[in-house]
Amino acid sequence: MENIANDGAGSGQDLPSADPVHSASTLARGLSVADALSLSSLSGTEVLAGASGLGRVIRRLNVMEVPDILPWVKPDEMLLTTGYPLRSAGDLAGLVRELDARGLAAVAIKLGRYVDTLPDEVLRTADSLGLPLLRLDEEVAFDDVLNQLLTDIVDRQAAILARAEEVHRVLVDVILAGGGLAAITGKLPELLDGSVMVTTPDGRVLARSGMDADVLADARCFDPAGGRFQVENFKHGVRALDDADPRVVQVPVLAGSLDHGRVVLITRGRSAEPADVHLLERAAATAALVITRDLAVAAVEGKYQGDFLRDLLAGRAGEPGHAIRHCASLGWDIDRPLVVAVAELDGEAATQVPTAGDLRPAHERFAGAWSMVVRDRDPGAAVVGYSQEVVVLMGAGGEGEAGPGRLVRSVIAQVAGDGGGGRRSFATGISRVAAGPAELPRAYEQARQAARVGRRMNGPGSVAEFDELGVYRLLSQIPDTAELRSFTEETLGELARTGSPEHDDLRATLETLLDNNLNVAETARLLHFHYNTLRYRIGKLERMLGPFSTDPHLRLNLMVALRVVRMRDLRG
């Protein structure tokens, strides 16, 4: 047994201050059993068993006057008894287990008058469950205990309400002052005693405050590659409190049926509490108002910017000087070498009509991700989202820097992220460098063509540069796929049909041989064939296709036909 009443060890904090910021962690934790033992009305109280449960929170009090107390027991109660009902309670160890199952905070008993001691089995059961059994001093009056503990609980609850009201007032002031997400996250760390951030639904950080280097370096919280907060690693709302030591809590930012992101709290050296979740939910409601407001403004500005960019890419924006000045007023710098990138979400038919709450939010989030990543690298870039594509005009990079293709590919990797947090895959096309505004229409068409051909060649998630398309640029312009199929079958014969292992193997041999300019030795090395084996295969191919080793026109036809076969939508 352990007497902790007078030594100060394990005693709780003082009563919460009226200042909600100063006592944030105390209020979140509530009145624990250890805190209660430090009060004067419980002076001399002895912990008989269950000392490991002294952190249990007391939210209400009850007095045990009858043996069948169980129907009236509520969670987080401290039960006071003189011991009289225990004489006829029967299985006391079983009663302790039932009380623990109902979430009781502690049992305080006066021994000596009706019950001298508690059986060892009862004490062992309480120790195993972590349910504190307290021995009250004979001089303690129940009314003193009830009065002081209830006053303390009410004071704490009032302070929690004051803290919530303070958070509400601060957040309302932010909105009324026209502040954004940065203003919200700037205020919350001191109110919530932790680091706070607002992210997109997949974890792209929109605003943050109170983040130290250790938090940012935590691989469980942040993706080391792109800095994305890994929302998939943590539970939402009160479910996060189910963890043994919850340090990270996130709540969704919802406006109607639309999910705009997350508000995340990372605590400072303490476990998160229900009060933290409640305050985060208030912050999330405020963030939803700010985001909705910003989206409404952005929608108007975006339509204007989108219309002008359409005119610019169609060559209808007027003379170059006027276009440069107008773009500068929009924050775009087009008076420099530019590369155009076109990104299209995969998995949606081009003619499909957007459904409410489905395609439009997906494209808005997609355009937002591109804008966030590109503007971070190139503040003068233009990023505009349309119903079926996102168009990006960004600097092509200076001398000595990575080429425009590598530059855009690095942006694509960051937009996609580590699995993208559930982001859909997308195909991207990259143009040649446009030297000035007059060349942007042609660059835009190049990027669109590269995206289209890249998807047909490599499927979802493809990235294609216009300069890498080669003959596919010409093949993609032929609208009659039946004519292409007919040409392929006439040129390749049986080899035009895919799915047969023998034909696929011969076609691969032919393609490698032609790609190596009929160099038999090099082709044999690449295919791991014996030289004579490859000579035999070449003879078989010429009997099937004709004398391509001596006829350059036939070789050209075969090479084109093989490229057609590689185009995914013409296979089979």
Protein backbone atom coordinates (compact mmCIF):
# COMPACT_ATOMS: atom_id res chain seq x y z
CA MET A 1 0.00 0.00 0.00
CA GLU A 2 1.13 3.52 -0.73
CA ASN A 3 0.26 6.73 1.10
CA ILE A 4 0.54 9.70 -1.25
CA ALA A 5 -1.61 12.27 0.49
CA ASN A 6 1.05 14.36 2.14
CA ASP A 7 4.29 13.77 0.22
CA GLY A 8 3.32 15.79 -2.88
CA ALA A 9 4.47 13.08 -5.27
CA GLY A 10 1.99 12.48 -8.00
CA SER A 11 -0.12 15.42 -6.94
CA GLY A 12 -2.07 17.14 -9.64
CA GLN A 13 -1.72 20.62 -11.03
CA ASP A 14 -3.38 23.61 -9.45
CA LEU A 15 -6.91 24.56 -10.32
CA PRO A 16 -7.04 25.85 -13.90
CA SER A 17 -6.54 29.52 -14.39
CA ALA A 18 -9.24 31.63 -15.94
CA ASP A 19 -6.77 32.20 -18.75
CA PRO A 20 -7.55 29.38 -21.22
CA VAL A 21 -4.24 29.70 -23.02
CA HIS A 22 -2.14 29.40 -19.85
CA SER A 23 -3.88 26.23 -18.63
CA ALA A 24 -4.54 24.47 -21.94
CA SER A 25 -2.90 21.14 -21.07
CA THR A 26 -4.39 21.06 -17.55
CA LEU A 27 -7.89 21.67 -18.83
CA ALA A 28 -7.60 19.09 -21.59
CA ARG A 29 -6.57 16.41 -19.06
CA GLY A 30 -9.36 17.14 -16.55
CA LEU A 31 -9.44 16.28 -12.82
CA SER A 32 -7.55 13.01 -12.38
CA VAL A 33 -7.68 10.81 -9.29
CA ALA A 34 -4.15 11.95 -8.47
CA ASP A 35 -5.30 15.57 -8.72
CA ALA A 36 -8.20 14.85 -6.36
CA LEU A 37 -5.88 13.34 -3.75
CA SER A 38 -4.04 16.65 -3.49
CA LEU A 39 -7.20 18.45 -2.32
CA SER A 40 -7.60 19.25 1.38
CA SER A 41 -10.84 17.27 1.79
CA LEU A 42 -8.97 14.06 0.88
CA SER A 43 -5.98 14.75 3.12
CA GLY A 44 -4.62 11.52 4.59
CA THR A 45 -6.24 9.32 1.94
CA GLU A 46 -4.37 6.06 1.33
CA VAL A 47 -4.16 4.18 -1.97
CA LEU A 48 -4.98 0.57 -1.12
CA ALA A 49 -4.71 -0.80 -4.67
CA GLY A 50 -4.88 0.19 -8.34
CA ALA A 51 -2.19 2.91 -8.16
CA SER A 52 -1.54 2.49 -11.90
CA GLY A 53 -4.98 4.02 -12.54
CA LEU A 54 -4.44 7.30 -10.71
CA GLY A 55 -4.54 9.08 -14.07
CA ARG A 56 -8.23 8.21 -14.52
CA VAL A 57 -10.37 11.33 -14.92
CA ILE A 58 -13.18 12.15 -12.47
CA ARG A 59 -16.18 13.91 -14.02
CA ARG A 60 -18.89 13.06 -11.52
CA LEU A 61 -19.40 11.72 -7.95
CA ASN A 62 -21.73 9.13 -6.45
CA VAL A 63 -22.38 7.56 -3.03
CA MET A 64 -22.83 3.80 -2.59
CA GLU A 65 -25.70 3.14 -0.16
CA VAL A 66 -26.97 -0.22 -1.49
CA PRO A 67 -25.18 -3.40 -2.66
CA ASP A 68 -26.82 -3.33 -6.12
CA ILE A 69 -25.17 -0.03 -7.12
CA LEU A 70 -24.23 -1.20 -10.64
CA PRO A 71 -27.37 0.03 -12.46
CA TRP A 72 -26.63 3.58 -11.30
CA VAL A 73 -22.88 3.66 -11.96
CA LYS A 74 -21.74 5.94 -14.80
CA PRO A 75 -18.36 6.29 -16.53
CA ASP A 76 -15.74 8.54 -14.90
CA GLU A 77 -17.46 8.49 -11.51
CA MET A 78 -15.74 8.45 -8.14
CA LEU A 79 -17.75 6.22 -5.83
CA LEU A 80 -17.84 7.03 -2.08
CA THR A 81 -18.95 4.43 0.48
CA THR A 82 -18.90 3.81 4.24
CA GLY A 83 -18.43 0.08 3.60
CA TYR A 84 -21.86 -0.82 4.98
CA PRO A 85 -23.28 -2.06 1.63
CA LEU A 86 -20.19 -4.20 1.08
CA ARG A 87 -21.11 -6.56 3.95
CA SER A 88 -23.92 -8.01 1.82
CA ALA A 89 -22.44 -7.39 -1.62
CA GLY A 90 -21.35 -11.03 -2.07
CA ASP A 91 -18.47 -11.44 -4.57
CA LEU A 92 -16.45 -8.27 -3.91
CA ALA A 93 -13.78 -9.12 -6.54
CA GLY A 94 -16.55 -9.59 -9.10
CA LEU A 95 -18.06 -6.25 -8.03
CA VAL A 96 -14.67 -4.56 -8.65
CA ARG A 97 -14.52 -6.07 -12.15
CA GLU A 98 -18.05 -4.88 -12.92
CA LEU A 99 -17.27 -1.37 -11.69
CA ASP A 100 -14.17 -1.24 -13.87
CA ALA A 101 -16.14 -2.48 -16.87
CA ARG A 102 -18.52 0.47 -16.41
CA GLY A 103 -15.62 2.94 -16.55
CA LEU A 104 -15.53 3.91 -12.88
CA ALA A 105 -12.75 6.35 -11.99
CA ALA A 106 -12.12 5.22 -8.36
CA VAL A 107 -13.72 3.80 -5.20
CA ALA A 108 -13.16 5.66 -1.91
CA ILE A 109 -14.11 3.72 1.24
CA LYS A 110 -14.12 4.33 4.98
CA LEU A 111 -12.79 1.22 6.74
CA GLY A 112 -13.19 0.31 10.40
CA ARG A 113 -16.81 0.96 11.20
CA TYR A 114 -18.54 -1.64 8.98
CA VAL A 115 -15.66 -3.29 7.12
CA ASP A 116 -12.26 -3.60 8.73
CA THR A 117 -10.21 -4.71 5.73
CA LEU A 118 -10.65 -5.62 2.07
CA PRO A 119 -9.78 -9.20 1.04
CA ASP A 120 -6.44 -9.73 -0.72
CA GLU A 121 -8.30 -11.05 -3.77
CA VAL A 122 -10.12 -7.72 -4.09
CA LEU A 123 -6.86 -5.76 -3.85
CA ARG A 124 -5.16 -8.01 -6.43
CA THR A 125 -8.10 -7.59 -8.79
CA ALA A 126 -8.02 -3.79 -8.45
CA ASP A 127 -4.26 -3.77 -9.06
CA SER A 128 -4.61 -5.89 -12.19
CA LEU A 129 -7.36 -3.61 -13.55
CA GLY A 130 -5.75 -0.34 -12.49
CA LEU A 131 -8.91 0.69 -10.62
CA PRO A 132 -7.88 2.87 -7.64
CA LEU A 133 -9.25 1.74 -4.26
CA LEU A 134 -8.82 4.58 -1.77
CA ARG A 135 -9.05 4.46 2.03
CA LEU A 136 -10.57 7.63 3.44
CA ASP A 137 -9.52 9.06 6.78
CA GLU A 138 -12.10 8.47 9.53
CA GLU A 139 -12.46 12.22 10.04
CA VAL A 140 -13.32 12.94 6.39
CA ALA A 141 -16.92 14.04 5.83
CA PHE A 142 -18.59 13.00 2.59
CA ASP A 143 -20.20 16.38 2.17
CA ASP A 144 -16.78 18.08 2.29
CA VAL A 145 -15.46 15.70 -0.38
CA LEU A 146 -18.54 16.15 -2.57
CA ASN A 147 -18.50 19.90 -2.22
CA GLN A 148 -14.78 20.40 -2.97
CA LEU A 149 -14.54 17.89 -5.81
CA LEU A 150 -17.72 19.08 -7.50
CA THR A 151 -16.54 22.69 -7.20
CA ASP A 152 -13.20 21.71 -8.77
CA ILE A 153 -14.91 19.79 -11.61
CA VAL A 154 -17.31 22.64 -12.33
CA ASP A 155 -14.46 25.16 -12.30
CA ARG A 156 -12.52 23.05 -14.79
CA GLN A 157 -15.54 22.65 -17.05
CA ALA A 158 -16.15 26.38 -16.90
CA ALA A 159 -12.52 27.00 -17.80
CA ILE A 160 -12.80 24.57 -20.73
CA LEU A 161 -15.84 26.47 -21.97
CA ALA A 162 -13.93 29.72 -21.55
CA ARG A 163 -11.07 28.27 -23.54
CA ALA A 164 -13.45 27.13 -26.30
CA GLU A 165 -15.02 30.59 -26.32
CA GLU A 166 -11.57 32.16 -26.60
CA VAL A 167 -10.72 29.94 -29.58
CA HIS A 168 -14.08 30.80 -31.16
CA ARG A 169 -13.49 34.52 -30.64
CA VAL A 170 -9.99 34.37 -32.11
CA LEU A 171 -11.16 32.44 -35.18
CA VAL A 172 -14.12 34.77 -35.75
CA ASP A 173 -11.75 37.75 -35.54
CA VAL A 174 -9.57 36.09 -38.19
CA ILE A 175 -12.53 35.77 -40.56
CA LEU A 176 -13.81 39.28 -39.92
CA ALA A 177 -10.35 40.69 -40.54
CA GLY A 178 -10.22 38.90 -43.89
CA GLY A 179 -7.43 36.57 -42.79
CA GLY A 180 -6.64 33.33 -44.54
CA LEU A 181 -5.42 29.88 -43.57
CA ALA A 182 -2.03 31.26 -42.54
CA ALA A 183 -3.74 33.57 -40.03
CA ILE A 184 -5.70 30.62 -38.59
CA THR A 185 -2.66 28.40 -38.18
CA GLY A 186 -0.71 31.34 -36.76
CA LYS A 187 -3.17 31.69 -33.85
CA LEU A 188 -3.88 28.05 -33.03
CA PRO A 189 -0.51 26.77 -31.69
CA GLU A 190 -0.69 28.95 -28.56
CA LEU A 191 -4.33 27.96 -28.02
CA LEU A 192 -3.85 24.22 -28.59
CA ASP A 193 -0.33 23.82 -27.19
CA GLY A 194 1.07 22.17 -30.30
CA SER A 195 1.95 22.49 -33.97
CA VAL A 196 -0.97 23.11 -36.32
CA MET A 197 -1.37 22.89 -40.08
CA VAL A 198 -4.07 22.89 -42.73
CA THR A 199 -3.64 20.46 -45.62
CA THR A 200 -5.43 19.33 -48.75
CA PRO A 201 -7.37 16.02 -48.52
CA ASP A 202 -4.25 14.11 -49.60
CA GLY A 203 -1.88 15.97 -47.28
CA ARG A 204 -0.41 18.86 -49.30
CA VAL A 205 0.40 21.49 -46.67
CA LEU A 206 -1.51 24.74 -47.31
CA ALA A 207 -0.48 26.55 -44.13
CA ARG A 208 1.34 25.62 -40.95
CA SER A 209 2.65 27.13 -37.73
CA GLY A 210 4.69 26.01 -34.74
CA MET A 211 6.52 23.28 -36.68
CA ASP A 212 10.05 22.64 -35.42
CA ALA A 213 12.74 20.68 -37.25
CA ASP A 214 12.07 17.46 -35.31
CA VAL A 215 8.41 17.44 -36.34
CA LEU A 216 9.23 18.13 -39.99
CA ALA A 217 11.81 15.33 -39.98
CA ASP A 218 9.35 12.74 -38.65
CA ALA A 219 9.00 10.22 -41.52
CA ARG A 220 5.70 8.94 -40.12
CA CYS A 221 4.21 12.44 -40.41
CA PHE A 222 5.82 13.78 -43.58
CA ASP A 223 6.81 12.18 -46.85
CA PRO A 224 10.59 12.77 -47.13
CA ALA A 225 10.37 13.10 -50.93
CA GLY A 226 7.72 15.79 -51.29
CA GLY A 227 6.96 17.06 -47.78
CA ARG A 228 3.36 15.81 -47.97
CA PHE A 229 1.70 15.16 -44.61
CA GLN A 230 0.81 11.47 -44.69
CA VAL A 231 -2.86 11.68 -43.76
CA GLU A 232 -3.29 7.96 -44.36
CA ASN A 233 -1.12 7.14 -41.33
CA PHE A 234 -3.45 8.73 -38.76
CA LYS A 235 -7.05 8.35 -37.61
CA HIS A 236 -9.65 11.10 -37.80
CA GLY A 237 -11.26 12.96 -34.91
CA VAL A 238 -11.94 11.20 -31.62
CA ARG A 239 -10.86 7.87 -33.10
CA ALA A 240 -7.26 9.11 -32.85
CA LEU A 241 -7.64 9.07 -29.05
CA ASP A 242 -7.97 5.27 -29.14
CA ASP A 243 -4.20 5.01 -29.60
CA ALA A 244 -2.07 4.36 -26.51
CA ASP A 245 -0.32 7.74 -26.72
CA PRO A 246 -2.05 9.91 -29.34
CA ARG A 247 0.14 12.82 -30.41
CA VAL A 248 -1.41 13.58 -33.82
CA VAL A 249 -5.06 14.46 -34.38
CA GLN A 250 -6.67 15.43 -37.69
CA VAL A 251 -10.22 16.49 -38.47
CA PRO A 252 -11.72 16.98 -41.94
CA VAL A 253 -12.51 20.40 -43.37
CA LEU A 254 -16.00 19.88 -44.78
CA ALA A 255 -18.36 22.25 -46.58
CA GLY A 256 -21.55 20.43 -47.40
CA SER A 257 -20.56 17.24 -49.21
CA LEU A 258 -17.17 18.60 -50.31
CA ASP A 259 -13.96 17.60 -48.54
CA HIS A 260 -11.54 20.53 -48.64
CA GLY A 261 -8.75 19.10 -46.50
CA ARG A 262 -7.61 18.50 -42.93
CA VAL A 263 -6.74 20.53 -39.84
CA VAL A 264 -3.95 18.71 -38.01
CA LEU A 265 -2.63 19.10 -34.47
CA ILE A 266 0.72 17.62 -33.41
CA THR A 267 0.95 17.99 -29.62
CA ARG A 268 4.04 19.09 -27.70
CA GLY A 269 5.13 16.35 -25.29
CA ARG A 270 1.61 15.34 -24.23
CA SER A 271 -1.22 13.10 -25.36
CA ALA A 272 -4.12 14.62 -27.25
CA GLU A 273 -7.44 14.91 -25.40
CA PRO A 274 -11.14 15.14 -26.34
CA ALA A 275 -11.01 18.92 -25.75
CA ASP A 276 -8.33 19.17 -28.46
CA VAL A 277 -10.58 17.38 -30.93
CA HIS A 278 -13.47 19.70 -30.08
CA LEU A 279 -11.36 22.79 -30.63
CA LEU A 280 -9.91 21.39 -33.87
CA GLU A 281 -13.45 20.85 -35.14
CA ARG A 282 -14.17 24.53 -34.50
CA ALA A 283 -10.99 25.44 -36.34
CA ALA A 284 -11.98 23.15 -39.22
CA ALA A 285 -15.35 24.91 -39.51
CA THR A 286 -13.54 28.25 -39.70
CA ALA A 287 -11.08 26.87 -42.25
CA ALA A 288 -14.02 25.64 -44.35
CA LEU A 289 -15.44 29.18 -44.40
CA VAL A 290 -12.06 30.62 -45.42
CA ILE A 291 -11.51 28.00 -48.12
CA THR A 292 -15.04 28.41 -49.49
CA ARG A 293 -14.55 32.18 -49.60
CA ASP A 294 -11.20 31.83 -51.34
CA LEU A 295 -12.63 29.32 -53.83
CA ALA A 296 -15.45 31.70 -54.70
CA VAL A 297 -12.96 34.48 -55.38
CA ALA A 298 -10.65 32.11 -57.22
CA ALA A 299 -13.52 30.84 -59.37
CA VAL A 300 -14.18 34.35 -60.68
CA GLU A 301 -10.50 35.11 -61.14
CA GLY A 302 -9.86 31.66 -62.58
CA LYS A 303 -12.55 32.03 -65.23
CA TYR A 304 -11.10 35.35 -66.30
CA GLN A 305 -7.57 33.92 -66.34
CA GLY A 306 -8.73 30.78 -68.12
CA ASP A 307 -10.51 32.76 -70.83
CA PHE A 308 -7.46 34.91 -71.44
CA LEU A 309 -5.11 31.91 -71.53
CA ARG A 310 -7.40 30.27 -74.08
CA ASP A 311 -7.13 33.38 -76.25
CA LEU A 312 -3.35 33.44 -75.77
CA LEU A 313 -2.97 29.78 -76.77
CA ALA A 314 -5.29 30.29 -79.74
CA GLY A 315 -3.31 33.32 -80.96
CA ARG A 316 -6.16 35.75 -80.21
CA ALA A 317 -4.52 37.74 -77.38
CA GLY A 318 -3.33 40.60 -79.58
CA GLU A 319 0.19 41.74 -80.33
CA PRO A 320 2.99 40.24 -78.14
CA GLY A 321 3.64 43.43 -76.15
CA HIS A 322 0.00 43.67 -75.10
CA ALA A 323 -0.09 39.96 -74.18
CA ILE A 324 3.08 40.30 -72.09
CA ARG A 325 1.72 43.30 -70.17
CA HIS A 326 -1.67 41.68 -69.60
CA CYS A 327 -0.08 38.45 -68.35
CA ALA A 328 2.15 40.48 -66.00
CA SER A 329 -1.00 41.98 -64.45
CA LEU A 330 -2.13 38.39 -63.75
CA GLY A 331 1.22 37.49 -62.20
CA TRP A 332 2.45 35.55 -65.25
CA ASP A 333 5.85 36.14 -66.82
CA ILE A 334 5.69 35.07 -70.49
CA ASP A 335 8.49 37.34 -71.73
CA ARG A 336 11.05 34.53 -71.60
CA PRO A 337 11.57 31.00 -73.01
CA LEU A 338 8.65 28.85 -71.87
CA VAL A 339 7.67 25.21 -71.95
CA VAL A 340 3.99 24.22 -72.09
CA ALA A 341 2.74 21.15 -70.20
CA VAL A 342 -0.75 19.68 -70.55
CA ALA A 343 -1.93 17.23 -67.87
CA GLU A 344 -5.13 15.17 -68.19
CA LEU A 345 -6.66 12.94 -65.51
CA ASP A 346 -6.87 9.27 -66.51
CA GLY A 347 -9.94 7.12 -66.27
CA GLU A 348 -12.57 9.54 -67.59
CA ALA A 349 -14.02 9.57 -71.08
CA ALA A 350 -13.32 12.82 -72.90
CA THR A 351 -17.00 13.33 -73.69
CA GLN A 352 -18.37 12.38 -70.30
CA VAL A 353 -20.58 15.01 -68.66
CA PRO A 354 -19.27 16.01 -65.19
CA THR A 355 -21.52 14.87 -62.35
CA ALA A 356 -22.24 17.15 -59.41
CA GLY A 357 -19.74 16.66 -56.60
CA ASP A 358 -17.59 14.25 -58.63
CA LEU A 359 -15.57 15.36 -61.64
CA ARG A 360 -15.46 19.09 -60.89
CA PRO A 361 -14.00 18.73 -57.36
CA ALA A 362 -11.47 16.17 -58.68
CA HIS A 363 -10.29 18.59 -61.35
CA GLU A 364 -10.25 21.50 -58.91
CA ARG A 365 -8.02 19.54 -56.55
CA PHE A 366 -5.89 18.39 -59.47
CA ALA A 367 -5.41 21.97 -60.70
CA GLY A 368 -4.73 23.11 -57.14
CA ALA A 369 -1.98 20.52 -56.72
CA TRP A 370 -0.31 21.63 -59.95
CA SER A 371 -0.59 25.29 -58.98
CA MET A 372 0.91 24.68 -55.54
CA VAL A 373 3.92 22.75 -56.85
CA VAL A 374 4.62 24.88 -59.94
CA ARG A 375 4.27 28.26 -58.20
CA ASP A 376 6.67 27.11 -55.50
CA ARG A 377 9.31 26.52 -58.20
CA ASP A 378 8.36 29.32 -60.60
CA PRO A 379 6.27 32.19 -59.15
CA GLY A 380 5.80 33.66 -62.65
CA ALA A 381 4.33 30.49 -64.13
CA ALA A 382 0.76 30.30 -65.43
CA VAL A 383 -1.36 27.37 -64.18
CA VAL A 384 -5.00 27.12 -65.28
CA GLY A 385 -7.38 24.20 -64.86
CA TYR A 386 -10.11 23.41 -67.38
CA SER A 387 -12.78 20.72 -67.32
CA GLN A 388 -10.56 18.12 -69.01
CA GLU A 389 -7.01 19.38 -68.59
CA VAL A 390 -4.55 21.52 -66.66
CA VAL A 391 -2.35 23.82 -68.75
CA VAL A 392 1.01 25.01 -67.39
CA LEU A 393 3.31 27.66 -68.85
CA MET A 394 6.58 27.70 -66.94
CA GLY A 395 10.13 28.87 -67.51
CA ALA A 396 12.23 26.50 -69.61
CA GLY A 397 15.27 26.93 -67.34
CA GLY A 398 18.50 28.77 -67.98
CA GLU A 399 21.78 27.62 -69.44
CA GLY A 400 23.39 24.89 -67.36
CA GLU A 401 20.10 23.91 -65.73
CA ALA A 402 18.12 20.73 -66.34
CA GLY A 403 16.36 20.59 -69.69
CA PRO A 404 12.67 21.52 -69.86
CA GLY A 405 11.65 17.87 -70.05
CA ARG A 406 13.51 16.95 -66.87
CA LEU A 407 12.21 20.10 -65.18
CA VAL A 408 8.58 19.24 -65.91
CA ARG A 409 9.11 15.59 -64.98
CA SER A 410 10.38 16.64 -61.56
CA VAL A 411 7.21 18.72 -61.10
CA ILE A 412 5.08 15.74 -62.17
CA ALA A 413 6.80 13.53 -59.62
CA GLN A 414 6.02 16.03 -56.86
CA VAL A 415 2.39 16.45 -57.94
CA ALA A 416 1.91 12.68 -57.98
CA GLY A 417 3.78 12.26 -54.69
CA ASP A 418 4.33 8.97 -52.87
CA GLY A 419 1.17 7.24 -54.06
CA GLY A 420 -0.48 10.63 -54.24
CA GLY A 421 -2.55 10.06 -51.08
CA GLY A 422 -5.25 8.55 -53.28
CA ARG A 423 -4.73 10.99 -56.18
CA ARG A 424 -5.84 9.66 -59.57
CA SER A 425 -3.17 9.02 -62.22
CA PHE A 426 -2.76 11.47 -65.09
CA ALA A 427 -1.08 11.69 -68.47
CA THR A 428 1.19 14.63 -69.27
CA GLY A 429 2.49 16.06 -72.53
CA ILE A 430 5.50 18.40 -72.77
CA SER A 431 6.12 20.82 -75.65
CA ARG A 432 9.28 22.13 -77.22
CA VAL A 433 10.60 25.41 -75.81
CA ALA A 434 8.63 28.44 -77.01
CA ALA A 435 10.91 31.45 -77.46
CA GLY A 436 8.11 33.99 -77.03
CA PRO A 437 4.33 34.55 -76.86
CA ALA A 438 3.90 34.09 -80.62
CA GLU A 439 5.11 30.48 -80.37
CA LEU A 440 2.80 29.51 -77.48
CA PRO A 441 -0.14 28.34 -79.66
CA ARG A 442 2.12 25.87 -81.47
CA ALA A 443 3.70 24.75 -78.18
CA TYR A 444 0.25 24.15 -76.68
CA GLU A 445 -0.74 21.91 -79.60
CA GLN A 446 2.55 20.05 -79.24
CA ALA A 447 1.89 19.39 -75.55
CA ARG A 448 -1.68 18.22 -76.21
CA GLN A 449 -0.51 15.89 -78.95
CA ALA A 450 2.26 14.50 -76.72
CA ALA A 451 -0.25 13.81 -73.92
CA ARG A 452 -2.67 12.10 -76.30
CA VAL A 453 -0.04 9.95 -78.05
CA GLY A 454 1.72 9.15 -74.77
CA ARG A 455 -1.50 7.76 -73.29
CA ARG A 456 -2.16 5.68 -76.42
CA MET A 457 1.38 4.34 -76.37
CA ASN A 458 2.00 3.76 -72.65
CA GLY A 459 -1.40 3.86 -70.98
CA PRO A 460 -2.41 5.74 -67.79
CA GLY A 461 0.18 7.86 -66.02
CA SER A 462 2.28 8.37 -69.16
CA VAL A 463 4.66 11.30 -69.64
CA ALA A 464 5.65 12.16 -73.19
CA GLU A 465 7.78 14.93 -74.72
CA PHE A 466 6.89 16.16 -78.20
CA ASP A 467 10.47 15.77 -79.40
CA GLU A 468 10.41 12.08 -78.41
CA LEU A 469 7.30 11.15 -80.40
CA GLY A 470 9.03 10.61 -83.73
CA VAL A 471 6.86 8.80 -86.25
CA TYR A 472 4.08 8.46 -83.68
CA ARG A 473 3.31 12.13 -84.31
CA LEU A 474 2.31 11.23 -87.85
CA LEU A 475 0.51 8.01 -86.96
CA SER A 476 -1.58 9.76 -84.32
CA GLN A 477 -2.90 12.17 -86.96
CA ILE A 478 -4.50 9.37 -89.02
CA PRO A 479 -8.18 9.23 -87.96
CA ASP A 480 -8.96 6.00 -89.83
CA THR A 481 -7.66 3.27 -87.51
CA ALA A 482 -9.12 0.63 -89.83
CA GLU A 483 -6.76 1.82 -92.58
CA LEU A 484 -3.81 1.61 -90.18
CA ARG A 485 -4.83 -1.89 -89.15
CA SER A 486 -5.16 -2.93 -92.80
CA PHE A 487 -1.69 -1.53 -93.60
CA THR A 488 -0.21 -3.41 -90.65
CA GLU A 489 -1.80 -6.72 -91.59
CA GLU A 490 -0.73 -6.38 -95.24
CA THR A 491 2.86 -5.52 -94.25
CA LEU A 492 3.41 -7.91 -91.33
CA GLY A 493 1.04 -10.71 -92.27
CA GLU A 494 0.75 -13.23 -89.45
CA LEU A 495 3.06 -11.14 -87.24
CA ALA A 496 0.41 -8.38 -87.04
CA ARG A 497 -1.67 -10.60 -84.76
CA THR A 498 -0.63 -10.33 -81.12
CA GLY A 499 -1.15 -12.94 -78.42
CA SER A 500 0.72 -15.83 -80.03
CA PRO A 501 4.06 -16.49 -78.23
CA GLU A 502 5.73 -17.57 -81.48
CA HIS A 503 4.56 -14.51 -83.43
CA ASP A 504 5.35 -12.13 -80.56
CA ASP A 505 8.86 -13.60 -80.32
CA LEU A 506 9.50 -13.29 -84.07
CA ARG A 507 8.14 -9.74 -84.10
CA ALA A 508 10.47 -8.78 -81.24
CA THR A 509 13.40 -10.28 -83.15
CA LEU A 510 12.47 -8.34 -86.29
CA GLU A 511 12.10 -5.06 -84.37
CA THR A 512 15.45 -5.43 -82.62
CA LEU A 513 17.15 -6.33 -85.91
CA LEU A 514 15.72 -3.30 -87.70
CA ASP A 515 16.50 -0.98 -84.80
CA ASN A 516 20.15 -2.10 -85.04
CA ASN A 517 20.37 -1.46 -88.78
CA LEU A 518 20.50 -5.22 -89.62
CA ASN A 519 23.63 -5.72 -87.51
CA VAL A 520 23.36 -9.48 -86.93
CA ALA A 521 26.13 -9.76 -84.35
CA GLU A 522 24.79 -6.89 -82.18
CA THR A 523 21.21 -8.17 -82.44
CA ALA A 524 22.30 -11.68 -81.41
CA ARG A 525 24.10 -10.22 -78.41
CA LEU A 526 21.08 -8.16 -77.32
CA LEU A 527 18.66 -11.07 -77.72
CA HIS A 528 21.09 -13.61 -76.23
CA PHE A 529 20.90 -15.78 -79.35
CA HIS A 530 23.65 -17.75 -81.04
CA TYR A 531 24.75 -16.11 -84.28
CA ASN A 532 23.57 -19.08 -86.39
CA THR A 533 20.22 -19.16 -84.55
CA LEU A 534 19.61 -15.53 -85.48
CA ARG A 535 20.62 -16.21 -89.12
CA TYR A 536 18.04 -19.00 -89.20
CA ARG A 537 15.37 -16.64 -87.81
CA ILE A 538 16.21 -13.96 -90.36
CA GLY A 539 15.72 -16.51 -93.14
CA LYS A 540 12.35 -17.49 -91.69
CA LEU A 541 11.28 -13.82 -91.40
CA GLU A 542 12.27 -13.12 -95.03
CA ARG A 543 10.24 -16.11 -96.20
CA MET A 544 7.24 -14.64 -94.34
CA LEU A 545 7.72 -10.93 -95.13
CA GLY A 546 9.99 -10.64 -98.16
CA PRO A 547 13.66 -9.70 -98.72
CA PHE A 548 13.79 -6.84 -96.21
CA SER A 549 17.57 -7.25 -95.78
CA THR A 550 18.06 -6.01 -99.36
CA ASP A 551 14.91 -3.91 -99.92
CA PRO A 552 15.08 -0.52 -98.08
CA HIS A 553 11.46 0.35 -98.94
CA LEU A 554 10.22 -2.88 -97.40
CA ARG A 555 12.33 -2.19 -94.31
CA LEU A 556 10.69 1.24 -93.99
CA ASN A 557 7.20 -0.28 -94.28
CA LEU A 558 8.05 -2.92 -91.69
CA MET A 559 9.40 -0.35 -89.22
CA VAL A 560 6.26 1.80 -89.57
CA ALA A 561 3.98 -1.23 -89.21
CA LEU A 562 5.83 -2.31 -86.05
CA ARG A 563 5.29 1.19 -84.59
CA VAL A 564 1.57 0.92 -85.34
CA VAL A 565 1.39 -2.43 -83.54
CA ARG A 566 2.97 -0.81 -80.48
CA MET A 567 0.15 1.73 -80.29
CA ARG A 568 -2.08 0.29 -77.61
CA ASP A 569 -5.47 1.15 -79.09
CA LEU A 570 -4.63 -0.71 -82.32
CA ARG A 571 -3.47 -3.98 -80.78
CA GLY A 572 -5.34 -7.28 -80.93
